[in-house]
Amino acid sequence: AASCFVSYLLANPGKGAAPEDMVQASTAALITLISMALFVLASIARPYAWWKVVLVTVMVVASALMFLTPLTRRIFLLDPTAGDTLTALACAAVGVVIIQLAWWAERRYGRRASPTASPAVS
């Protein structure tokens, strides 16, 4: 969430900006969010089976088409300009690194079952 907010702040020209600039800023935040979500989806889908590969591929293609197709850009008020898109992808890359570090820390330092704890009896 922080990466999306930073992406929005970096793309947002500030108070009194034109509506087109606000659309570009919100598009940048959406690109950041979708990029990180696709990373999480691809990570959670491991180990890959054919249907998981199809799922990830369909989501990537659908997400890309949403930004590339004039109809969906008009419906969802998207304006992926080059500069803001690069900023959004850079913020997404930082977010992906943070997500990966959090997963690593959870595996390394996360809660572990106590060796003296007895299983619940039903």
Protein backbone atom coordinates (compact mmCIF):
# COMPACT_ATOMS: atom_id res chain seq x y z
CA ALA A 1 0.00 0.00 0.00
CA ALA A 2 2.86 2.37 0.76
CA SER A 3 4.33 1.88 -2.72
CA CYS A 4 0.97 2.78 -4.28
CA PHE A 5 0.72 5.90 -2.16
CA VAL A 6 4.28 6.95 -3.01
CA SER A 7 3.58 6.33 -6.70
CA TYR A 8 0.50 8.54 -6.49
CA LEU A 9 2.41 11.29 -4.67
CA LEU A 10 5.25 11.24 -7.19
CA ALA A 11 2.85 11.42 -10.16
CA ASN A 12 0.46 13.93 -8.57
CA PRO A 13 1.29 17.51 -9.64
CA GLY A 14 -0.35 18.95 -6.54
CA LYS A 15 -3.26 21.15 -5.58
CA GLY A 16 -5.06 22.88 -8.41
CA ALA A 17 -3.88 20.36 -11.01
CA ALA A 18 -5.85 19.71 -14.15
CA PRO A 19 -8.20 16.70 -14.14
CA GLU A 20 -5.99 14.99 -16.75
CA ASP A 21 -3.04 15.18 -14.36
CA MET A 22 -5.09 13.63 -11.59
CA VAL A 23 -6.12 10.79 -13.93
CA GLN A 24 -2.46 10.17 -14.74
CA ALA A 25 -1.58 10.09 -11.05
CA SER A 26 -4.34 7.62 -10.21
CA THR A 27 -3.35 5.50 -13.21
CA ALA A 28 0.22 5.39 -11.92
CA ALA A 29 -1.01 4.19 -8.52
CA LEU A 30 -3.14 1.52 -10.21
CA ILE A 31 -0.18 0.32 -12.28
CA THR A 32 1.85 0.00 -9.09
CA LEU A 33 -0.92 -1.91 -7.33
CA ILE A 34 -1.59 -4.30 -10.20
CA SER A 35 2.12 -4.98 -10.74
CA MET A 36 2.59 -5.95 -7.10
CA ALA A 37 -0.61 -8.02 -7.12
CA LEU A 38 0.57 -9.95 -10.18
CA PHE A 39 3.87 -10.64 -8.43
CA VAL A 40 2.01 -12.00 -5.40
CA LEU A 41 -0.23 -14.11 -7.64
CA ALA A 42 2.76 -15.57 -9.49
CA SER A 43 4.53 -16.29 -6.20
CA ILE A 44 1.54 -17.92 -4.54
CA ALA A 45 0.89 -20.04 -7.65
CA ARG A 46 4.15 -21.95 -7.15
CA PRO A 47 4.73 -24.84 -7.70
CA TYR A 48 3.39 -24.25 -11.16
CA ALA A 49 0.91 -26.56 -12.84
CA TRP A 50 -0.53 -25.94 -16.29
CA TRP A 51 -3.69 -24.31 -14.95
CA LYS A 52 -1.72 -22.00 -12.64
CA VAL A 53 0.41 -20.84 -15.55
CA VAL A 54 -2.77 -20.18 -17.55
CA LEU A 55 -4.26 -18.25 -14.61
CA VAL A 56 -1.20 -16.02 -14.19
CA THR A 57 -0.90 -15.51 -17.96
CA VAL A 58 -4.57 -14.54 -18.32
CA MET A 59 -4.28 -12.06 -15.47
CA VAL A 60 -1.13 -10.47 -16.93
CA VAL A 61 -2.68 -10.20 -20.40
CA ALA A 62 -5.99 -8.85 -19.05
CA SER A 63 -4.17 -6.28 -16.93
CA ALA A 64 -2.03 -5.16 -19.86
CA LEU A 65 -5.03 -4.93 -22.19
CA MET A 66 -6.82 -2.76 -19.66
CA PHE A 67 -4.12 -0.11 -20.11
CA LEU A 68 -3.63 -0.60 -23.86
CA THR A 69 -7.19 -0.80 -25.21
CA PRO A 70 -8.84 2.58 -25.93
CA LEU A 71 -12.27 1.33 -24.81
CA THR A 72 -11.10 0.22 -21.36
CA ARG A 73 -8.93 3.30 -20.99
CA ARG A 74 -12.03 5.42 -21.58
CA ILE A 75 -14.28 3.32 -19.31
CA PHE A 76 -11.83 3.21 -16.39
CA LEU A 77 -10.41 6.74 -16.98
CA LEU A 78 -6.84 5.52 -17.48
CA ASP A 79 -4.00 7.54 -18.94
CA PRO A 80 -0.71 5.62 -18.76
CA THR A 81 1.83 8.26 -19.79
CA ALA A 82 5.43 7.15 -20.23
CA GLY A 83 6.98 9.12 -17.36
CA ASP A 84 4.32 8.24 -14.82
CA THR A 85 4.33 4.60 -15.93
CA LEU A 86 8.07 4.34 -15.34
CA THR A 87 7.64 5.93 -11.92
CA ALA A 88 4.83 3.48 -11.15
CA LEU A 89 6.92 0.48 -12.21
CA ALA A 90 9.86 1.70 -10.13
CA CYS A 91 7.58 2.01 -7.09
CA ALA A 92 6.19 -1.46 -7.84
CA ALA A 93 9.73 -2.86 -7.95
CA VAL A 94 10.43 -1.39 -4.51
CA GLY A 95 7.11 -2.83 -3.27
CA VAL A 96 8.00 -6.27 -4.64
CA VAL A 97 11.33 -6.18 -2.81
CA ILE A 98 9.54 -5.22 0.42
CA ILE A 99 7.01 -8.05 -0.05
CA GLN A 100 9.81 -10.53 -0.69
CA LEU A 101 11.71 -9.34 2.39
CA ALA A 102 8.57 -9.65 4.50
CA TRP A 103 8.02 -13.24 3.31
CA TRP A 104 11.64 -14.05 4.01
CA ALA A 105 11.46 -12.55 7.51
CA GLU A 106 8.24 -14.43 8.24
CA ARG A 107 9.82 -17.74 7.26
CA ARG A 108 12.99 -16.98 9.17
CA TYR A 109 11.66 -15.28 12.30
CA GLY A 110 7.92 -16.02 12.23
CA ARG A 111 5.96 -17.67 14.98
CA ARG A 112 6.82 -21.29 15.52
CA ALA A 113 4.88 -23.88 17.42
CA SER A 114 6.18 -24.40 20.90
CA PRO A 115 7.86 -27.80 21.27
CA THR A 116 6.15 -28.28 24.64
CA ALA A 117 2.68 -27.40 23.42
CA SER A 118 0.34 -30.32 23.25
CA PRO A 119 -2.12 -30.65 20.35
CA ALA A 120 -5.71 -29.74 21.03
CA VAL A 121 -7.90 -32.67 21.90
CA SER A 122 -11.42 -32.64 20.55
